[in-house]
Amino acid sequence: MSFLRRLLTSESLENTGSLARDLLASERTFLAWTRTGLGFIALGVALEKVEVFAQLAPQLLQLHNTEDTKLAAGVLVGSGTLCVAHGTNRYFGVMRDLQRGVFTPNKVGVIGLAVGSLGLAFAGTLLVLEGEKKQAQRNGLDGRR
């Protein structure tokens, strides 16, 4: 019980300088990371559900490559999970630093997010181009019959 109490309660800090303002800004940033992560997770789940709906009514939605849809849904859910995890880690790190009176810039998080975003954009572009190529090949074959 004492571990849970320590985990759920915070010590009172003397509000010197801009400590309270900085901690509240850190909380807002954490909430933004969480909101973004949950958005990615929701989009991944919705994409997977669209695929299930397409299997029930294939004449309504023309999804030919379900592996790509599953991959995209998994990447979105994974990215969202990483956003929430990074936001949580960053929040507690900033809180610890502010209590000690220091601040550490988030170089690793910014660089990681930039590289990850560029990688996802590149992979998504490749998937779209591959899908268009396959669609063109199917249309070409269907037109010859």
N, C-alpha and C. Protein backbone atom coordinates (compact mmCIF):
# COMPACT_ATOMS: atom_id res chain seq x y z
N MET A 1 0.82 -1.19 0.00
CA MET A 1 0.00 0.00 0.00
C MET A 1 0.87 1.25 0.00
N SER A 2 1.98 1.22 0.71
CA SER A 2 2.82 2.41 0.77
C SER A 2 3.47 2.70 -0.58
N PHE A 3 3.79 1.65 -1.37
CA PHE A 3 4.33 1.86 -2.71
C PHE A 3 3.32 2.56 -3.60
N LEU A 4 2.08 2.11 -3.54
CA LEU A 4 1.01 2.72 -4.33
C LEU A 4 0.78 4.17 -3.90
N ARG A 5 0.81 4.41 -2.61
CA ARG A 5 0.62 5.78 -2.11
C ARG A 5 1.74 6.69 -2.60
N ARG A 6 2.99 6.20 -2.54
CA ARG A 6 4.13 6.99 -3.03
C ARG A 6 4.01 7.25 -4.52
N LEU A 7 3.52 6.26 -5.25
CA LEU A 7 3.38 6.40 -6.70
C LEU A 7 2.32 7.42 -7.07
N LEU A 8 1.23 7.46 -6.32
CA LEU A 8 0.09 8.31 -6.67
C LEU A 8 0.11 9.70 -6.03
N THR A 9 0.99 9.95 -5.10
CA THR A 9 1.06 11.27 -4.49
C THR A 9 2.35 11.96 -4.88
N SER A 10 2.30 13.27 -4.91
CA SER A 10 3.48 14.06 -5.26
C SER A 10 3.87 14.91 -4.07
N GLU A 11 5.15 15.13 -3.95
CA GLU A 11 5.60 16.02 -2.89
C GLU A 11 5.34 17.46 -3.29
N SER A 12 5.06 18.30 -2.32
CA SER A 12 4.85 19.71 -2.60
C SER A 12 6.20 20.37 -2.82
N LEU A 13 6.26 21.20 -3.84
CA LEU A 13 7.50 21.90 -4.17
C LEU A 13 7.31 23.39 -3.94
N GLU A 14 8.35 24.04 -3.52
CA GLU A 14 8.29 25.49 -3.35
C GLU A 14 8.26 26.13 -4.73
N ASN A 15 7.31 27.00 -4.95
CA ASN A 15 7.15 27.63 -6.26
C ASN A 15 8.12 28.80 -6.38
N THR A 16 9.34 28.49 -6.73
CA THR A 16 10.35 29.54 -6.91
C THR A 16 10.59 29.73 -8.40
N GLY A 17 10.71 30.97 -8.79
CA GLY A 17 10.94 31.25 -10.21
C GLY A 17 9.75 30.82 -11.04
N SER A 18 10.03 30.03 -12.04
CA SER A 18 8.96 29.59 -12.95
C SER A 18 8.69 28.10 -12.83
N LEU A 19 8.96 27.51 -11.66
CA LEU A 19 8.82 26.06 -11.50
C LEU A 19 7.40 25.59 -11.79
N ALA A 20 6.41 26.21 -11.20
CA ALA A 20 5.02 25.78 -11.42
C ALA A 20 4.63 25.93 -12.89
N ARG A 21 5.00 27.05 -13.49
CA ARG A 21 4.68 27.28 -14.89
C ARG A 21 5.36 26.23 -15.78
N ASP A 22 6.61 25.90 -15.48
CA ASP A 22 7.33 24.91 -16.27
C ASP A 22 6.74 23.52 -16.11
N LEU A 23 6.35 23.17 -14.89
CA LEU A 23 5.74 21.86 -14.68
C LEU A 23 4.38 21.76 -15.38
N LEU A 24 3.60 22.82 -15.35
CA LEU A 24 2.31 22.80 -16.05
C LEU A 24 2.50 22.73 -17.56
N ALA A 25 3.52 23.41 -18.07
CA ALA A 25 3.82 23.32 -19.51
C ALA A 25 4.24 21.90 -19.87
N SER A 26 4.99 21.26 -18.99
CA SER A 26 5.40 19.88 -19.23
C SER A 26 4.19 18.95 -19.25
N GLU A 27 3.23 19.20 -18.38
CA GLU A 27 2.00 18.40 -18.37
C GLU A 27 1.22 18.59 -19.67
N ARG A 28 1.14 19.82 -20.16
CA ARG A 28 0.43 20.06 -21.43
C ARG A 28 1.14 19.35 -22.58
N THR A 29 2.46 19.36 -22.56
CA THR A 29 3.22 18.67 -23.60
C THR A 29 2.98 17.17 -23.53
N PHE A 30 2.96 16.62 -22.31
CA PHE A 30 2.66 15.21 -22.13
C PHE A 30 1.27 14.87 -22.70
N LEU A 31 0.30 15.71 -22.41
CA LEU A 31 -1.05 15.47 -22.93
C LEU A 31 -1.09 15.55 -24.45
N ALA A 32 -0.29 16.42 -25.05
CA ALA A 32 -0.23 16.50 -26.51
C ALA A 32 0.38 15.22 -27.09
N TRP A 33 1.46 14.72 -26.48
CA TRP A 33 2.05 13.46 -26.93
C TRP A 33 1.03 12.32 -26.82
N THR A 34 0.31 12.29 -25.70
CA THR A 34 -0.68 11.24 -25.49
C THR A 34 -1.82 11.34 -26.50
N ARG A 35 -2.30 12.55 -26.74
CA ARG A 35 -3.38 12.75 -27.72
C ARG A 35 -2.93 12.32 -29.11
N THR A 36 -1.72 12.66 -29.49
CA THR A 36 -1.19 12.27 -30.80
C THR A 36 -1.07 10.75 -30.89
N GLY A 37 -0.52 10.14 -29.85
CA GLY A 37 -0.37 8.69 -29.84
C GLY A 37 -1.71 7.97 -29.92
N LEU A 38 -2.68 8.44 -29.16
CA LEU A 38 -4.01 7.83 -29.20
C LEU A 38 -4.67 8.03 -30.56
N GLY A 39 -4.39 9.15 -31.21
CA GLY A 39 -4.91 9.36 -32.57
C GLY A 39 -4.35 8.35 -33.55
N PHE A 40 -3.04 8.10 -33.46
CA PHE A 40 -2.41 7.09 -34.33
C PHE A 40 -2.99 5.71 -34.05
N ILE A 41 -3.15 5.37 -32.77
CA ILE A 41 -3.69 4.07 -32.41
C ILE A 41 -5.12 3.92 -32.94
N ALA A 42 -5.93 4.95 -32.77
CA ALA A 42 -7.32 4.90 -33.25
C ALA A 42 -7.37 4.76 -34.77
N LEU A 43 -6.49 5.46 -35.47
CA LEU A 43 -6.46 5.36 -36.93
C LEU A 43 -6.05 3.96 -37.36
N GLY A 44 -5.08 3.35 -36.67
CA GLY A 44 -4.67 1.98 -36.98
C GLY A 44 -5.80 0.99 -36.76
N VAL A 45 -6.50 1.14 -35.65
CA VAL A 45 -7.64 0.24 -35.36
C VAL A 45 -8.74 0.45 -36.40
N ALA A 46 -9.01 1.69 -36.76
CA ALA A 46 -10.05 1.97 -37.77
C ALA A 46 -9.66 1.37 -39.12
N LEU A 47 -8.40 1.48 -39.48
CA LEU A 47 -7.94 0.91 -40.76
C LEU A 47 -8.13 -0.60 -40.77
N GLU A 48 -7.84 -1.24 -39.66
CA GLU A 48 -8.03 -2.69 -39.56
C GLU A 48 -9.52 -3.03 -39.66
N LYS A 49 -10.38 -2.22 -39.05
CA LYS A 49 -11.82 -2.48 -39.10
C LYS A 49 -12.36 -2.26 -40.51
N VAL A 50 -11.81 -1.31 -41.25
CA VAL A 50 -12.24 -1.11 -42.63
C VAL A 50 -11.93 -2.36 -43.45
N GLU A 51 -10.79 -2.97 -43.18
CA GLU A 51 -10.43 -4.20 -43.89
C GLU A 51 -11.42 -5.31 -43.57
N VAL A 52 -11.81 -5.44 -42.30
CA VAL A 52 -12.78 -6.46 -41.92
C VAL A 52 -14.12 -6.18 -42.60
N PHE A 53 -14.52 -4.92 -42.66
CA PHE A 53 -15.77 -4.55 -43.34
C PHE A 53 -15.69 -4.87 -44.82
N ALA A 54 -14.52 -4.64 -45.43
CA ALA A 54 -14.34 -4.93 -46.85
C ALA A 54 -14.45 -6.42 -47.12
N GLN A 55 -14.03 -7.25 -46.18
CA GLN A 55 -14.17 -8.70 -46.37
C GLN A 55 -15.63 -9.13 -46.28
N LEU A 56 -16.43 -8.41 -45.48
CA LEU A 56 -17.85 -8.73 -45.37
C LEU A 56 -18.63 -8.26 -46.59
N ALA A 57 -18.24 -7.11 -47.14
CA ALA A 57 -18.95 -6.53 -48.29
C ALA A 57 -17.93 -6.10 -49.34
N PRO A 58 -17.32 -7.05 -50.06
CA PRO A 58 -16.24 -6.70 -50.98
C PRO A 58 -16.68 -5.81 -52.14
N GLN A 59 -17.96 -5.81 -52.48
CA GLN A 59 -18.41 -4.97 -53.58
C GLN A 59 -18.43 -3.48 -53.19
N LEU A 60 -18.47 -3.17 -51.89
CA LEU A 60 -18.50 -1.78 -51.46
C LEU A 60 -17.10 -1.17 -51.39
N LEU A 61 -16.13 -1.93 -50.93
CA LEU A 61 -14.76 -1.43 -50.80
C LEU A 61 -13.83 -2.34 -51.59
N GLN A 62 -13.04 -1.75 -52.43
CA GLN A 62 -12.13 -2.51 -53.28
C GLN A 62 -10.74 -2.58 -52.64
N LEU A 63 -10.55 -3.47 -51.68
CA LEU A 63 -9.24 -3.68 -51.07
C LEU A 63 -8.70 -5.00 -51.59
N HIS A 64 -7.62 -4.93 -52.36
CA HIS A 64 -7.06 -6.14 -52.94
C HIS A 64 -5.87 -6.68 -52.16
N ASN A 65 -5.17 -5.83 -51.45
CA ASN A 65 -3.96 -6.25 -50.77
C ASN A 65 -4.13 -6.07 -49.27
N THR A 66 -4.63 -7.10 -48.60
CA THR A 66 -4.90 -6.98 -47.17
C THR A 66 -3.62 -7.00 -46.34
N GLU A 67 -2.51 -7.55 -46.91
CA GLU A 67 -1.25 -7.55 -46.15
C GLU A 67 -0.77 -6.11 -45.94
N ASP A 68 -0.88 -5.26 -46.98
CA ASP A 68 -0.47 -3.87 -46.85
C ASP A 68 -1.34 -3.14 -45.83
N THR A 69 -2.63 -3.44 -45.81
CA THR A 69 -3.53 -2.80 -44.85
C THR A 69 -3.17 -3.21 -43.43
N LYS A 70 -2.90 -4.50 -43.24
CA LYS A 70 -2.51 -4.97 -41.91
C LYS A 70 -1.18 -4.35 -41.48
N LEU A 71 -0.25 -4.24 -42.41
CA LEU A 71 1.05 -3.63 -42.11
C LEU A 71 0.87 -2.16 -41.71
N ALA A 72 0.07 -1.43 -42.49
CA ALA A 72 -0.15 -0.01 -42.19
C ALA A 72 -0.85 0.15 -40.84
N ALA A 73 -1.83 -0.69 -40.56
CA ALA A 73 -2.52 -0.61 -39.27
C ALA A 73 -1.56 -0.91 -38.12
N GLY A 74 -0.71 -1.92 -38.29
CA GLY A 74 0.26 -2.26 -37.26
C GLY A 74 1.27 -1.14 -37.03
N VAL A 75 1.71 -0.51 -38.12
CA VAL A 75 2.67 0.59 -38.00
C VAL A 75 2.02 1.77 -37.27
N LEU A 76 0.77 2.06 -37.58
CA LEU A 76 0.08 3.16 -36.90
C LEU A 76 -0.09 2.88 -35.41
N VAL A 77 -0.50 1.68 -35.07
CA VAL A 77 -0.67 1.34 -33.66
C VAL A 77 0.69 1.36 -32.94
N GLY A 78 1.72 0.83 -33.59
CA GLY A 78 3.06 0.85 -33.00
C GLY A 78 3.58 2.27 -32.83
N SER A 79 3.37 3.12 -33.83
CA SER A 79 3.81 4.51 -33.73
C SER A 79 3.08 5.24 -32.61
N GLY A 80 1.79 5.00 -32.50
CA GLY A 80 1.03 5.63 -31.44
C GLY A 80 1.49 5.19 -30.07
N THR A 81 1.79 3.91 -29.94
CA THR A 81 2.29 3.40 -28.67
C THR A 81 3.63 4.04 -28.32
N LEU A 82 4.51 4.18 -29.32
CA LEU A 82 5.80 4.83 -29.08
C LEU A 82 5.63 6.30 -28.69
N CYS A 83 4.65 6.99 -29.29
CA CYS A 83 4.39 8.39 -28.93
C CYS A 83 3.98 8.50 -27.46
N VAL A 84 3.07 7.64 -27.04
CA VAL A 84 2.62 7.68 -25.64
C VAL A 84 3.77 7.33 -24.70
N ALA A 85 4.56 6.33 -25.06
CA ALA A 85 5.69 5.93 -24.21
C ALA A 85 6.73 7.05 -24.13
N HIS A 86 7.05 7.67 -25.28
CA HIS A 86 8.03 8.75 -25.27
C HIS A 86 7.52 9.95 -24.46
N GLY A 87 6.26 10.31 -24.64
CA GLY A 87 5.68 11.42 -23.89
C GLY A 87 5.72 11.18 -22.39
N THR A 88 5.42 9.95 -21.98
CA THR A 88 5.46 9.61 -20.56
C THR A 88 6.89 9.69 -20.02
N ASN A 89 7.82 9.10 -20.74
CA ASN A 89 9.22 9.13 -20.32
C ASN A 89 9.74 10.57 -20.25
N ARG A 90 9.40 11.36 -21.25
CA ARG A 90 9.87 12.74 -21.29
C ARG A 90 9.27 13.56 -20.15
N TYR A 91 8.00 13.35 -19.85
CA TYR A 91 7.34 14.09 -18.77
C TYR A 91 8.06 13.85 -17.45
N PHE A 92 8.28 12.58 -17.11
CA PHE A 92 8.93 12.28 -15.83
C PHE A 92 10.38 12.74 -15.81
N GLY A 93 11.06 12.68 -16.96
CA GLY A 93 12.43 13.19 -17.03
C GLY A 93 12.50 14.69 -16.81
N VAL A 94 11.60 15.43 -17.43
CA VAL A 94 11.56 16.88 -17.25
C VAL A 94 11.20 17.23 -15.81
N MET A 95 10.25 16.51 -15.23
CA MET A 95 9.86 16.79 -13.85
C MET A 95 11.05 16.56 -12.91
N ARG A 96 11.78 15.49 -13.11
CA ARG A 96 12.95 15.20 -12.28
C ARG A 96 14.01 16.29 -12.45
N ASP A 97 14.27 16.70 -13.70
CA ASP A 97 15.26 17.75 -13.96
C ASP A 97 14.86 19.07 -13.32
N LEU A 98 13.59 19.45 -13.45
CA LEU A 98 13.14 20.72 -12.88
C LEU A 98 13.23 20.71 -11.36
N GLN A 99 12.98 19.58 -10.75
CA GLN A 99 13.12 19.50 -9.29
C GLN A 99 14.57 19.68 -8.87
N ARG A 100 15.51 19.26 -9.72
CA ARG A 100 16.93 19.45 -9.41
C ARG A 100 17.43 20.81 -9.85
N GLY A 101 16.60 21.57 -10.56
CA GLY A 101 16.99 22.90 -11.00
C GLY A 101 17.75 22.93 -12.31
N VAL A 102 17.64 21.88 -13.11
CA VAL A 102 18.33 21.82 -14.41
C VAL A 102 17.30 21.49 -15.49
N PHE A 103 17.74 21.58 -16.73
CA PHE A 103 16.88 21.22 -17.86
C PHE A 103 17.74 20.57 -18.92
N THR A 104 17.28 19.46 -19.47
CA THR A 104 18.01 18.74 -20.51
C THR A 104 17.20 18.81 -21.80
N PRO A 105 17.76 19.40 -22.87
CA PRO A 105 17.03 19.42 -24.16
C PRO A 105 16.78 18.01 -24.67
N ASN A 106 15.74 17.86 -25.44
CA ASN A 106 15.29 16.56 -25.91
C ASN A 106 15.81 16.27 -27.32
N LYS A 107 17.11 16.23 -27.50
CA LYS A 107 17.68 15.99 -28.82
C LYS A 107 17.34 14.61 -29.36
N VAL A 108 17.46 13.59 -28.53
CA VAL A 108 17.21 12.23 -28.98
C VAL A 108 15.76 12.06 -29.43
N GLY A 109 14.82 12.59 -28.66
CA GLY A 109 13.41 12.46 -29.01
C GLY A 109 13.07 13.19 -30.31
N VAL A 110 13.61 14.39 -30.48
CA VAL A 110 13.33 15.16 -31.69
C VAL A 110 13.94 14.49 -32.92
N ILE A 111 15.20 14.07 -32.80
CA ILE A 111 15.85 13.40 -33.93
C ILE A 111 15.16 12.07 -34.24
N GLY A 112 14.83 11.31 -33.20
CA GLY A 112 14.14 10.03 -33.40
C GLY A 112 12.79 10.21 -34.08
N LEU A 113 12.04 11.23 -33.64
CA LEU A 113 10.73 11.48 -34.25
C LEU A 113 10.87 11.92 -35.70
N ALA A 114 11.86 12.77 -35.98
CA ALA A 114 12.06 13.23 -37.36
C ALA A 114 12.46 12.07 -38.27
N VAL A 115 13.41 11.25 -37.83
CA VAL A 115 13.85 10.11 -38.63
C VAL A 115 12.70 9.10 -38.80
N GLY A 116 11.98 8.83 -37.73
CA GLY A 116 10.85 7.91 -37.81
C GLY A 116 9.76 8.41 -38.74
N SER A 117 9.46 9.70 -38.68
CA SER A 117 8.43 10.27 -39.55
C SER A 117 8.85 10.21 -41.02
N LEU A 118 10.10 10.54 -41.28
CA LEU A 118 10.59 10.45 -42.66
C LEU A 118 10.57 9.01 -43.16
N GLY A 119 10.95 8.07 -42.31
CA GLY A 119 10.91 6.66 -42.69
C GLY A 119 9.50 6.18 -42.97
N LEU A 120 8.55 6.58 -42.12
CA LEU A 120 7.16 6.20 -42.36
C LEU A 120 6.61 6.83 -43.63
N ALA A 121 6.97 8.08 -43.89
CA ALA A 121 6.51 8.75 -45.11
C ALA A 121 7.07 8.05 -46.34
N PHE A 122 8.35 7.69 -46.29
CA PHE A 122 8.98 7.00 -47.42
C PHE A 122 8.34 5.63 -47.64
N ALA A 123 8.16 4.87 -46.56
CA ALA A 123 7.54 3.54 -46.67
C ALA A 123 6.10 3.64 -47.17
N GLY A 124 5.36 4.63 -46.67
CA GLY A 124 3.99 4.82 -47.14
C GLY A 124 3.93 5.17 -48.62
N THR A 125 4.87 6.00 -49.07
CA THR A 125 4.93 6.35 -50.49
C THR A 125 5.21 5.11 -51.33
N LEU A 126 6.13 4.27 -50.87
CA LEU A 126 6.43 3.04 -51.60
C LEU A 126 5.22 2.12 -51.66
N LEU A 127 4.49 2.00 -50.55
CA LEU A 127 3.29 1.16 -50.54
C LEU A 127 2.23 1.68 -51.51
N VAL A 128 2.05 2.99 -51.54
CA VAL A 128 1.06 3.58 -52.44
C VAL A 128 1.47 3.34 -53.90
N LEU A 129 2.73 3.59 -54.22
CA LEU A 129 3.20 3.39 -55.59
C LEU A 129 3.11 1.93 -56.01
N GLU A 130 3.44 1.02 -55.09
CA GLU A 130 3.33 -0.41 -55.39
C GLU A 130 1.88 -0.80 -55.63
N GLY A 131 0.97 -0.27 -54.80
CA GLY A 131 -0.45 -0.56 -54.97
C GLY A 131 -0.98 -0.04 -56.29
N GLU A 132 -0.56 1.16 -56.69
CA GLU A 132 -1.00 1.71 -57.98
C GLU A 132 -0.46 0.88 -59.14
N LYS A 133 0.77 0.41 -59.01
CA LYS A 133 1.37 -0.43 -60.06
C LYS A 133 0.59 -1.74 -60.19
N LYS A 134 0.27 -2.37 -59.05
CA LYS A 134 -0.50 -3.61 -59.09
C LYS A 134 -1.90 -3.39 -59.66
N GLN A 135 -2.51 -2.25 -59.29
CA GLN A 135 -3.85 -1.94 -59.80
C GLN A 135 -3.80 -1.74 -61.31
N ALA A 136 -2.77 -1.05 -61.80
CA ALA A 136 -2.63 -0.85 -63.24
C ALA A 136 -2.42 -2.17 -63.96
N GLN A 137 -1.64 -3.07 -63.36
CA GLN A 137 -1.43 -4.39 -63.96
C GLN A 137 -2.73 -5.18 -64.00
N ARG A 138 -3.52 -5.13 -62.92
CA ARG A 138 -4.81 -5.83 -62.89
C ARG A 138 -5.75 -5.24 -63.95
N ASN A 139 -5.78 -3.93 -64.06
CA ASN A 139 -6.66 -3.31 -65.05
C ASN A 139 -6.22 -3.66 -66.47
N GLY A 140 -4.91 -3.73 -66.68
CA GLY A 140 -4.39 -4.11 -68.00
C GLY A 140 -4.75 -5.54 -68.34
N LEU A 141 -4.65 -6.44 -67.37
CA LEU A 141 -4.99 -7.84 -67.60
C LEU A 141 -6.49 -8.01 -67.78
N ASP A 142 -7.28 -7.28 -66.99
CA ASP A 142 -8.74 -7.38 -67.13
C ASP A 142 -9.21 -6.84 -68.47
N GLY A 143 -8.53 -5.83 -68.99
CA GLY A 143 -8.91 -5.22 -70.26
C GLY A 143 -8.60 -6.10 -71.44
N ARG A 144 -7.68 -7.06 -71.32
CA ARG A 144 -7.29 -7.92 -72.42
C ARG A 144 -8.23 -9.10 -72.60
N ARG A 145 -9.01 -9.41 -71.60
CA ARG A 145 -9.88 -10.60 -71.67
C ARG A 145 -11.04 -10.40 -72.54
